[in-house]
């Protein structure tokens, strides 16, 4: 019996010893695997930093067969740093795409700025971008914060609605410039709509806006990144777009952030005129798609067949039309009257009443 008990005890302790050795071995293997995984991640991080450094070195000044490209800082990061100088954080955000230097939101947003609004503007034409920056600075020996065109507005030299870099077609009149290629004089002249009820485009359009004066490469960004990352998913009170045929695509580029846009004004070419740009949707197409995306408009879609080019104002259901949209309607009605009737007196009346209207609308 004693020998049997001793044998059992020996086997029991041997088993315990084996289990302990197995456990120690497994723990050591796990720790080794963990250390190996951490080492692998560290090595990947080092390789990523090396690639990033190589990229920055090669891309900070890059040349190819078409151009010279420079990497430079255009704003601060994180994005909130761009308005950290203000006494209070912005109460609302506005976005303007295709700013150029004429009829900009900056010129009419004094009431909004007074209540804490912040405007983010986009203009890929470098001379117009520079002109916008010079409105807030640009004086000899006076410093200016990077990217600001106003104490409460940032302007960026980017196209919107696309990714990476894209060709940008500059028109003879640069207000006609677009990411979309021009159709060209030959194709437009052969379009039967040129002989339709709205006739051919005006002479200045035919001369300056039917072919590219120059083609450039521009950096692009999607609204989804602007609203979701830069603005931290905060609502956009008003989005103004004038992008020469790309307006709808810019709205669509908001992706998952589309519901945060309260109001949109965009420009469209009407149904019975010959399109100036390859692939540009007409008025009816834009109207139907914006309604499908959940926007509402007082615009009568039958007007799409009775115009050449028109601004359409959209809002989310239950959201009132913005003061700035009302101001745009005022300008548009007067400009249409001048084009239709050619009354020089209307031009004088427009400028004499603009100040009064703006005060009332404010």
Foldseek 3Di string as FASTA:
>chain_A
DVVVVVVVVVVVVVVVVVVVVVVVVVVVVVVVVVVVVVVVVVVVVVVVVVVVVVCCVDQCWDDDPPDIHHDDDQADPPLQVRLPPDPDAAPAEAEEAQQQPPPHPVVQCPVNVVRRYAYEYEAQPVVSQVVLCVCQDPDPPDDDHHQDSDSRYGYYNAHELDAAKAKKFAWQPRLLIASFAFPALVVQVPDCLCVPPVHADDPVCSVTRRHGPDIDIGHYYALLCCCVRNVVLAAHAEYEYEHNLCVLSNLCSVPPSNVSYFKYKYKFFADSHRRGGPPRDHQLVSVVVVVVVQWDFPDDSVCSHVDGMDITMIGHPPDDGALVVVLVVLVVVLVVVCVVPVDPVSVVVCVVCSVVSSVVSD
